[in-house]
Amino acid sequence: MISAVIVTYNEANNEAKTLKNCLSSITGYVDEIVVVDLGSNDDSVKIAKQYQAKIFTHKKVDFVEKVRDFAVSKAQGDWILVLDPDEIITPTLWKKFKEIASEGKFEAVNIPRKNIFFGRFIKHTNWWPDNHVRFFKNGSVKWNDKIHVYPKVYGRVLDLPAIEDLAIIHRGYDSIQQFIDRQNRYSSVEADNLYNEGGRFSWTSFFWWPAREFLVRFIKHQGFLDGFYGFSLTYLMMVYKIMVLVKLWERGKERREE
């Protein structure tokens, strides 16, 4: 038995209909769909019910890793597929999942993700293959409460090759505004985590972190081959790092003034 687990929050407002596409891509392949909703005030829950999903609610959190374990705990399947609402599974990848589950040689699968930003597949700029552990035996994977941190896996992990047909398709950002809004939220979370772990603002980091983004994304991972998309995404991620550091400085300033 395979269960699909999805966390939602106001997904019906997306004009690209990503939630419907996600649910359509798994219908007929999985034995159970579990949707954990974080208090949507749109038609997200209504859409999920149209696909016979089991609906659970949870208070809103600022990033999905905080609720992953809760969501997975509601699934009954021997194997779990974790998806975001803006992701879909291809028939070829489904066939591979069936083979892996039937063979039983591994406890988890590290899957490449095909990121489509602003309508284009980003083949470089450190966004491919963008591996994530998303298919695993129930009970073999645990998440922590850190943003964008890989989960803990108990057992053997199969790394799928970087082949497009074996990748999760991720339609991440439809516009620059959407990208900026999300990165603004993520940068606040990252700054809080850093400060709570003892991190503090420094001028060295202020200049080095954005520079490293450029060196890694545009040079090492050949972002220039993605053309203007690669340059723009590299620049935006440099700005993201600056936002994290400025917010880290702000956290320190607020504590000093208390």
C-alpha atoms as a PDB file:
ATOM      1  CA  MET A   1       0.000   0.000   0.000  1.00  0.00           C
ATOM      2  CA  ILE A   2       1.317   3.429  -0.992  1.00  0.00           C
ATOM      3  CA  SER A   3       0.128   6.643   0.657  1.00  0.00           C
ATOM      4  CA  ALA A   4       0.648  10.143  -0.737  1.00  0.00           C
ATOM      5  CA  VAL A   5       1.024  12.949   1.815  1.00  0.00           C
ATOM      6  CA  ILE A   6       0.526  16.625   0.933  1.00  0.00           C
ATOM      7  CA  VAL A   7       0.472  19.756   3.102  1.00  0.00           C
ATOM      8  CA  THR A   8      -1.705  22.607   1.822  1.00  0.00           C
ATOM      9  CA  TYR A   9      -2.344  26.255   2.550  1.00  0.00           C
ATOM     10  CA  ASN A  10      -4.452  28.381   0.178  1.00  0.00           C
ATOM     11  CA  GLU A  11      -3.403  26.427  -2.890  1.00  0.00           C
ATOM     12  CA  ALA A  12      -6.633  27.050  -4.813  1.00  0.00           C
ATOM     13  CA  ASN A  13      -5.692  30.703  -5.408  1.00  0.00           C
ATOM     14  CA  ASN A  14      -2.903  29.613  -7.737  1.00  0.00           C
ATOM     15  CA  GLU A  15      -3.970  30.324 -11.319  1.00  0.00           C
ATOM     16  CA  ALA A  16      -1.729  27.495 -12.578  1.00  0.00           C
ATOM     17  CA  LYS A  17      -4.010  25.034 -10.728  1.00  0.00           C
ATOM     18  CA  THR A  18      -0.989  23.308  -9.249  1.00  0.00           C
ATOM     19  CA  LEU A  19      -2.926  21.479  -6.511  1.00  0.00           C
ATOM     20  CA  LYS A  20      -5.291  19.932  -9.053  1.00  0.00           C
ATOM     21  CA  ASN A  21      -2.351  18.935 -11.227  1.00  0.00           C
ATOM     22  CA  CYS A  22      -0.601  17.395  -8.245  1.00  0.00           C
ATOM     23  CA  LEU A  23      -3.630  15.371  -7.173  1.00  0.00           C
ATOM     24  CA  SER A  24      -4.372  14.313 -10.748  1.00  0.00           C
ATOM     25  CA  SER A  25      -0.830  12.990 -11.152  1.00  0.00           C
ATOM     26  CA  ILE A  26      -1.174  10.615  -8.188  1.00  0.00           C
ATOM     27  CA  THR A  27      -4.812   9.535  -8.581  1.00  0.00           C
ATOM     28  CA  GLY A  28      -4.994   5.908  -9.668  1.00  0.00           C
ATOM     29  CA  TYR A  29      -1.438   5.192  -8.540  1.00  0.00           C
ATOM     30  CA  VAL A  30      -1.623   5.537  -4.760  1.00  0.00           C
ATOM     31  CA  ASP A  31      -3.931   3.694  -2.391  1.00  0.00           C
ATOM     32  CA  GLU A  32      -4.455   6.652  -0.072  1.00  0.00           C
ATOM     33  CA  ILE A  33      -4.152  10.433  -0.269  1.00  0.00           C
ATOM     34  CA  VAL A  34      -3.570  12.305   2.977  1.00  0.00           C
ATOM     35  CA  VAL A  35      -3.900  16.099   2.951  1.00  0.00           C
ATOM     36  CA  VAL A  36      -2.954  18.172   5.989  1.00  0.00           C
ATOM     37  CA  ASP A  37      -4.381  21.669   5.661  1.00  0.00           C
ATOM     38  CA  LEU A  38      -2.923  24.593   7.599  1.00  0.00           C
ATOM     39  CA  GLY A  39      -6.101  26.634   7.800  1.00  0.00           C
ATOM     40  CA  SER A  40      -6.812  27.513   4.169  1.00  0.00           C
ATOM     41  CA  ASN A  41      -9.588  30.025   3.581  1.00  0.00           C
ATOM     42  CA  ASP A  42      -9.982  29.185  -0.106  1.00  0.00           C
ATOM     43  CA  ASP A  43     -11.120  26.011  -1.907  1.00  0.00           C
ATOM     44  CA  SER A  44      -8.024  23.912  -1.163  1.00  0.00           C
ATOM     45  CA  VAL A  45      -9.888  21.483   1.089  1.00  0.00           C
ATOM     46  CA  LYS A  46     -12.811  21.298  -1.339  1.00  0.00           C
ATOM     47  CA  ILE A  47     -10.447  20.398  -4.168  1.00  0.00           C
ATOM     48  CA  ALA A  48      -8.709  17.763  -2.059  1.00  0.00           C
ATOM     49  CA  LYS A  49     -12.061  16.150  -1.192  1.00  0.00           C
ATOM     50  CA  GLN A  50     -12.840  15.851  -4.905  1.00  0.00           C
ATOM     51  CA  TYR A  51      -9.917  13.411  -5.082  1.00  0.00           C
ATOM     52  CA  GLN A  52     -11.145  11.400  -2.068  1.00  0.00           C
ATOM     53  CA  ALA A  53      -8.333  12.640   0.113  1.00  0.00           C
ATOM     54  CA  LYS A  54      -8.369  12.149   3.865  1.00  0.00           C
ATOM     55  CA  ILE A  55      -8.299  15.654   5.335  1.00  0.00           C
ATOM     56  CA  PHE A  56      -6.567  16.626   8.570  1.00  0.00           C
ATOM     57  CA  THR A  57      -6.021  20.098   9.975  1.00  0.00           C
ATOM     58  CA  HIS A  58      -3.041  21.676  11.708  1.00  0.00           C
ATOM     59  CA  LYS A  59      -2.303  25.176  12.872  1.00  0.00           C
ATOM     60  CA  LYS A  60      -0.406  27.297  10.371  1.00  0.00           C
ATOM     61  CA  VAL A  61       3.393  27.025  10.434  1.00  0.00           C
ATOM     62  CA  ASP A  62       5.946  29.228   8.689  1.00  0.00           C
ATOM     63  CA  PHE A  63       7.608  26.374   6.795  1.00  0.00           C
ATOM     64  CA  VAL A  64       6.522  22.875   5.893  1.00  0.00           C
ATOM     65  CA  GLU A  65       9.276  20.874   7.614  1.00  0.00           C
ATOM     66  CA  LYS A  66       7.646  21.641  10.963  1.00  0.00           C
ATOM     67  CA  VAL A  67       4.571  19.638  10.025  1.00  0.00           C
ATOM     68  CA  ARG A  68       6.050  16.858   7.862  1.00  0.00           C
ATOM     69  CA  ASP A  69       6.181  14.251  10.645  1.00  0.00           C
ATOM     70  CA  PHE A  70       2.626  15.067  11.731  1.00  0.00           C
ATOM     71  CA  ALA A  71       1.388  14.661   8.162  1.00  0.00           C
ATOM     72  CA  VAL A  72       3.237  11.378   7.622  1.00  0.00           C
ATOM     73  CA  SER A  73       1.879  10.015  10.904  1.00  0.00           C
ATOM     74  CA  LYS A  74      -1.638  10.177   9.439  1.00  0.00           C
ATOM     75  CA  ALA A  75      -0.761   7.839   6.550  1.00  0.00           C
ATOM     76  CA  GLN A  76      -1.443   4.112   6.720  1.00  0.00           C
ATOM     77  CA  GLY A  77       0.636   2.937   3.773  1.00  0.00           C
ATOM     78  CA  ASP A  78       3.703   0.709   3.896  1.00  0.00           C
ATOM     79  CA  TRP A  79       5.358   3.237   1.586  1.00  0.00           C
ATOM     80  CA  ILE A  80       4.965   7.011   1.764  1.00  0.00           C
ATOM     81  CA  LEU A  81       5.230   9.559  -1.029  1.00  0.00           C
ATOM     82  CA  VAL A  82       5.621  13.136   0.232  1.00  0.00           C
ATOM     83  CA  LEU A  83       4.740  15.883  -2.236  1.00  0.00           C
ATOM     84  CA  ASP A  84       4.277  19.632  -2.197  1.00  0.00           C
ATOM     85  CA  PRO A  85       1.133  20.980  -3.907  1.00  0.00           C
ATOM     86  CA  ASP A  86       3.220  22.441  -6.748  1.00  0.00           C
ATOM     87  CA  GLU A  87       4.795  19.087  -7.658  1.00  0.00           C
ATOM     88  CA  ILE A  88       3.666  16.264  -9.943  1.00  0.00           C
ATOM     89  CA  ILE A  89       4.810  12.700 -10.625  1.00  0.00           C
ATOM     90  CA  THR A  90       5.377  11.307 -14.125  1.00  0.00           C
ATOM     91  CA  PRO A  91       4.184   7.827 -15.205  1.00  0.00           C
ATOM     92  CA  THR A  92       7.811   6.724 -15.644  1.00  0.00           C
ATOM     93  CA  LEU A  93       8.641   7.690 -12.073  1.00  0.00           C
ATOM     94  CA  TRP A  94       5.527   5.882 -10.853  1.00  0.00           C
ATOM     95  CA  LYS A  95       6.728   2.716 -12.570  1.00  0.00           C
ATOM     96  CA  LYS A  96      10.073   3.077 -10.818  1.00  0.00           C
ATOM     97  CA  PHE A  97       8.357   3.540  -7.440  1.00  0.00           C
ATOM     98  CA  LYS A  98       6.433   0.290  -7.946  1.00  0.00           C
ATOM     99  CA  GLU A  99       9.650  -1.582  -8.743  1.00  0.00           C
ATOM    100  CA  ILE A 100      11.423  -0.192  -5.684  1.00  0.00           C
ATOM    101  CA  ALA A 101       8.530  -1.012  -3.364  1.00  0.00           C
ATOM    102  CA  SER A 102       8.188  -4.561  -4.668  1.00  0.00           C
ATOM    103  CA  GLU A 103      11.923  -5.305  -4.476  1.00  0.00           C
ATOM    104  CA  GLY A 104      12.288  -3.978  -0.931  1.00  0.00           C
ATOM    105  CA  LYS A 105      16.046  -3.433  -1.141  1.00  0.00           C
ATOM    106  CA  PHE A 106      15.939   0.155   0.132  1.00  0.00           C
ATOM    107  CA  GLU A 107      14.183   2.110   2.855  1.00  0.00           C
ATOM    108  CA  ALA A 108      14.161   5.485   1.076  1.00  0.00           C
ATOM    109  CA  VAL A 109      14.675   7.029  -2.329  1.00  0.00           C
ATOM    110  CA  ASN A 110      16.564  10.242  -3.103  1.00  0.00           C
ATOM    111  CA  ILE A 111      14.762  11.700  -6.122  1.00  0.00           C
ATOM    112  CA  PRO A 112      15.882  14.414  -8.543  1.00  0.00           C
ATOM    113  CA  ARG A 113      13.554  17.381  -8.886  1.00  0.00           C
ATOM    114  CA  LYS A 114      12.966  19.216 -12.159  1.00  0.00           C
ATOM    115  CA  ASN A 115      12.523  22.844 -11.126  1.00  0.00           C
ATOM    116  CA  ILE A 116      10.449  25.001 -13.446  1.00  0.00           C
ATOM    117  CA  PHE A 117      10.780  28.660 -12.509  1.00  0.00           C
ATOM    118  CA  PHE A 118       9.009  31.414 -14.450  1.00  0.00           C
ATOM    119  CA  GLY A 119       7.915  28.827 -17.026  1.00  0.00           C
ATOM    120  CA  ARG A 120      11.372  27.421 -17.759  1.00  0.00           C
ATOM    121  CA  PHE A 121      13.221  24.278 -16.678  1.00  0.00           C
ATOM    122  CA  ILE A 122      16.331  25.469 -14.837  1.00  0.00           C
ATOM    123  CA  LYS A 123      18.990  22.953 -15.874  1.00  0.00           C
ATOM    124  CA  HIS A 124      21.906  24.594 -14.087  1.00  0.00           C
ATOM    125  CA  THR A 125      22.374  27.325 -11.412  1.00  0.00           C
ATOM    126  CA  ASN A 126      22.518  24.588  -8.699  1.00  0.00           C
ATOM    127  CA  TRP A 127      18.838  23.694  -9.186  1.00  0.00           C
ATOM    128  CA  TRP A 128      19.396  20.405 -10.982  1.00  0.00           C
ATOM    129  CA  PRO A 129      19.200  17.620 -10.007  1.00  0.00           C
ATOM    130  CA  ASP A 130      18.063  19.106  -6.630  1.00  0.00           C
ATOM    131  CA  ASN A 131      17.646  15.713  -4.933  1.00  0.00           C
ATOM    132  CA  HIS A 132      15.087  15.167  -2.171  1.00  0.00           C
ATOM    133  CA  VAL A 133      14.077  12.149  -0.075  1.00  0.00           C
ATOM    134  CA  ARG A 134      10.377  11.862  -0.871  1.00  0.00           C
ATOM    135  CA  PHE A 135       9.588   8.142  -1.233  1.00  0.00           C
ATOM    136  CA  PHE A 136      10.269   5.868   1.720  1.00  0.00           C
ATOM    137  CA  LYS A 137       9.078   3.022   3.918  1.00  0.00           C
ATOM    138  CA  ASN A 138       6.746   4.168   6.630  1.00  0.00           C
ATOM    139  CA  GLY A 139       8.716   4.906   9.790  1.00  0.00           C
ATOM    140  CA  SER A 140      12.121   5.170   8.125  1.00  0.00           C
ATOM    141  CA  VAL A 141      12.315   8.976   7.697  1.00  0.00           C
ATOM    142  CA  LYS A 142      12.033  11.776  10.257  1.00  0.00           C
ATOM    143  CA  TRP A 143      12.125  15.537   9.710  1.00  0.00           C
ATOM    144  CA  ASN A 144      13.392  18.155  12.141  1.00  0.00           C
ATOM    145  CA  ASP A 145      12.182  21.721  12.600  1.00  0.00           C
ATOM    146  CA  LYS A 146      14.903  23.322  10.473  1.00  0.00           C
ATOM    147  CA  ILE A 147      14.017  24.887   7.146  1.00  0.00           C
ATOM    148  CA  HIS A 148      15.448  23.285   3.992  1.00  0.00           C
ATOM    149  CA  VAL A 149      17.319  20.574   5.916  1.00  0.00           C
ATOM    150  CA  TYR A 150      17.364  16.974   4.723  1.00  0.00           C
ATOM    151  CA  PRO A 151      15.477  14.523   6.940  1.00  0.00           C
ATOM    152  CA  LYS A 152      17.042  11.741   8.958  1.00  0.00           C
ATOM    153  CA  VAL A 153      16.833   8.392   7.154  1.00  0.00           C
ATOM    154  CA  TYR A 154      16.989   5.072   9.002  1.00  0.00           C
ATOM    155  CA  GLY A 155      18.169   2.536   6.450  1.00  0.00           C
ATOM    156  CA  ARG A 156      19.476   2.242   2.913  1.00  0.00           C
ATOM    157  CA  VAL A 157      18.910   5.070   0.442  1.00  0.00           C
ATOM    158  CA  LEU A 158      18.635   4.649  -3.321  1.00  0.00           C
ATOM    159  CA  ASP A 159      19.902   7.636  -5.303  1.00  0.00           C
ATOM    160  CA  LEU A 160      18.020   7.875  -8.581  1.00  0.00           C
ATOM    161  CA  PRO A 161      20.067   9.123 -11.548  1.00  0.00           C
ATOM    162  CA  ALA A 162      19.620  12.681 -12.818  1.00  0.00           C
ATOM    163  CA  ILE A 163      17.217  11.752 -15.597  1.00  0.00           C
ATOM    164  CA  GLU A 164      14.272  14.015 -16.360  1.00  0.00           C
ATOM    165  CA  ASP A 165      11.778  11.131 -16.671  1.00  0.00           C
ATOM    166  CA  LEU A 166      12.733   9.994 -13.156  1.00  0.00           C
ATOM    167  CA  ALA A 167      12.356  13.455 -11.620  1.00  0.00           C
ATOM    168  CA  ILE A 168       9.588  15.069  -9.617  1.00  0.00           C
ATOM    169  CA  ILE A 169       8.322  18.026 -11.638  1.00  0.00           C
ATOM    170  CA  HIS A 170       8.289  21.143  -9.465  1.00  0.00           C
ATOM    171  CA  ARG A 171       6.565  24.279 -10.731  1.00  0.00           C
ATOM    172  CA  GLY A 172       8.039  26.470  -8.047  1.00  0.00           C
ATOM    173  CA  TYR A 173       7.613  30.094  -9.053  1.00  0.00           C
ATOM    174  CA  ASP A 174       5.342  31.623 -11.660  1.00  0.00           C
ATOM    175  CA  SER A 175       6.540  35.214 -11.137  1.00  0.00           C
ATOM    176  CA  ILE A 176       9.328  37.299  -9.647  1.00  0.00           C
ATOM    177  CA  GLN A 177       6.872  38.669  -7.093  1.00  0.00           C
ATOM    178  CA  GLN A 178       6.035  35.165  -5.898  1.00  0.00           C
ATOM    179  CA  PHE A 179       9.736  34.356  -5.606  1.00  0.00           C
ATOM    180  CA  ILE A 180      10.487  37.519  -3.615  1.00  0.00           C
ATOM    181  CA  ASP A 181       7.507  37.041  -1.286  1.00  0.00           C
ATOM    182  CA  ARG A 182       8.513  33.481  -0.460  1.00  0.00           C
ATOM    183  CA  GLN A 183      12.194  34.286   0.000  1.00  0.00           C
ATOM    184  CA  ASN A 184      11.256  37.153   2.321  1.00  0.00           C
ATOM    185  CA  ARG A 185       9.437  34.630   4.519  1.00  0.00           C
ATOM    186  CA  TYR A 186      12.221  32.054   4.319  1.00  0.00           C
ATOM    187  CA  SER A 187      14.916  34.615   5.152  1.00  0.00           C
ATOM    188  CA  SER A 188      13.111  35.538   8.375  1.00  0.00           C
ATOM    189  CA  VAL A 189      12.982  31.887   9.403  1.00  0.00           C
ATOM    190  CA  GLU A 190      16.650  31.337   8.566  1.00  0.00           C
ATOM    191  CA  ALA A 191      17.710  34.463  10.460  1.00  0.00           C
ATOM    192  CA  ASP A 192      15.762  33.306  13.530  1.00  0.00           C
ATOM    193  CA  ASN A 193      17.333  29.847  13.377  1.00  0.00           C
ATOM    194  CA  LEU A 194      20.828  31.288  13.013  1.00  0.00           C
ATOM    195  CA  TYR A 195      20.375  33.688  15.901  1.00  0.00           C
ATOM    196  CA  ASN A 196      18.973  30.995  18.190  1.00  0.00           C
ATOM    197  CA  GLU A 197      21.978  28.804  17.374  1.00  0.00           C
ATOM    198  CA  GLY A 198      24.402  31.567  18.321  1.00  0.00           C
ATOM    199  CA  GLY A 199      24.955  33.078  14.893  1.00  0.00           C
ATOM    200  CA  ARG A 200      25.640  36.802  14.733  1.00  0.00           C
ATOM    201  CA  PHE A 201      26.038  39.384  11.990  1.00  0.00           C
ATOM    202  CA  SER A 202      29.541  40.044  10.674  1.00  0.00           C
ATOM    203  CA  TRP A 203      30.861  42.159   7.829  1.00  0.00           C
ATOM    204  CA  THR A 204      32.855  39.194   6.577  1.00  0.00           C
ATOM    205  CA  SER A 205      29.687  37.153   6.137  1.00  0.00           C
ATOM    206  CA  PHE A 206      27.869  40.133   4.661  1.00  0.00           C
ATOM    207  CA  PHE A 207      30.301  40.237   1.741  1.00  0.00           C
ATOM    208  CA  TRP A 208      31.229  36.540   1.547  1.00  0.00           C
ATOM    209  CA  TRP A 209      27.780  34.890   1.557  1.00  0.00           C
ATOM    210  CA  PRO A 210      26.432  36.732  -1.526  1.00  0.00           C
ATOM    211  CA  ALA A 211      29.786  36.311  -3.286  1.00  0.00           C
ATOM    212  CA  ARG A 212      29.698  32.589  -2.591  1.00  0.00           C
ATOM    213  CA  GLU A 213      26.201  32.362  -4.092  1.00  0.00           C
ATOM    214  CA  PHE A 214      27.545  33.898  -7.297  1.00  0.00           C
ATOM    215  CA  LEU A 215      30.602  31.636  -7.390  1.00  0.00           C
ATOM    216  CA  VAL A 216      28.622  28.478  -6.684  1.00  0.00           C
ATOM    217  CA  ARG A 217      25.516  29.102  -8.770  1.00  0.00           C
ATOM    218  CA  PHE A 218      26.759  31.133 -11.727  1.00  0.00           C
ATOM    219  CA  ILE A 219      30.316  29.788 -12.066  1.00  0.00           C
ATOM    220  CA  LYS A 220      30.600  26.305 -10.509  1.00  0.00           C
ATOM    221  CA  HIS A 221      27.098  25.184 -11.509  1.00  0.00           C
ATOM    222  CA  GLN A 222      27.179  27.091 -14.809  1.00  0.00           C
ATOM    223  CA  GLY A 223      24.214  29.352 -14.228  1.00  0.00           C
ATOM    224  CA  PHE A 224      25.267  31.297 -17.320  1.00  0.00           C
ATOM    225  CA  LEU A 225      24.022  28.333 -19.406  1.00  0.00           C
ATOM    226  CA  ASP A 226      20.500  29.147 -18.210  1.00  0.00           C
ATOM    227  CA  GLY A 227      20.912  32.575 -19.794  1.00  0.00           C
ATOM    228  CA  PHE A 228      19.105  35.515 -18.250  1.00  0.00           C
ATOM    229  CA  TYR A 229      17.134  33.095 -16.056  1.00  0.00           C
ATOM    230  CA  GLY A 230      20.358  31.839 -14.517  1.00  0.00           C
ATOM    231  CA  PHE A 231      21.702  35.345 -13.971  1.00  0.00           C
ATOM    232  CA  SER A 232      18.424  36.578 -12.467  1.00  0.00           C
ATOM    233  CA  LEU A 233      18.081  33.616 -10.127  1.00  0.00           C
ATOM    234  CA  THR A 234      21.689  33.945  -9.015  1.00  0.00           C
ATOM    235  CA  TYR A 235      21.182  37.643  -8.320  1.00  0.00           C
ATOM    236  CA  LEU A 236      17.952  36.970  -6.409  1.00  0.00           C
ATOM    237  CA  MET A 237      19.661  34.339  -4.262  1.00  0.00           C
ATOM    238  CA  MET A 238      22.483  36.787  -3.539  1.00  0.00           C
ATOM    239  CA  VAL A 239      19.843  39.257  -2.368  1.00  0.00           C
ATOM    240  CA  TYR A 240      18.299  36.479  -0.273  1.00  0.00           C
ATOM    241  CA  LYS A 241      21.583  35.931   1.573  1.00  0.00           C
ATOM    242  CA  ILE A 242      21.861  39.671   2.225  1.00  0.00           C
ATOM    243  CA  MET A 243      18.300  39.654   3.599  1.00  0.00           C
ATOM    244  CA  VAL A 244      19.177  36.827   5.991  1.00  0.00           C
ATOM    245  CA  LEU A 245      22.212  38.709   7.292  1.00  0.00           C
ATOM    246  CA  VAL A 246      20.419  42.049   7.652  1.00  0.00           C
ATOM    247  CA  LYS A 247      17.624  40.311   9.573  1.00  0.00           C
ATOM    248  CA  LEU A 248      20.251  38.552  11.707  1.00  0.00           C
ATOM    249  CA  TRP A 249      21.729  41.993  12.484  1.00  0.00           C
ATOM    250  CA  GLU A 250      18.216  43.212  13.291  1.00  0.00           C
ATOM    251  CA  ARG A 251      17.649  40.327  15.722  1.00  0.00           C
ATOM    252  CA  GLY A 252      20.842  41.238  17.555  1.00  0.00           C
ATOM    253  CA  LYS A 253      19.894  44.909  17.664  1.00  0.00           C
ATOM    254  CA  GLU A 254      16.482  44.085  19.119  1.00  0.00           C
ATOM    255  CA  ARG A 255      18.025  41.926  21.858  1.00  0.00           C
ATOM    256  CA  ARG A 256      20.552  44.602  22.786  1.00  0.00           C
ATOM    257  CA  GLU A 257      17.803  47.185  23.153  1.00  0.00           C
ATOM    258  CA  GLU A 258      15.649  45.057  25.445  1.00  0.00           C
END
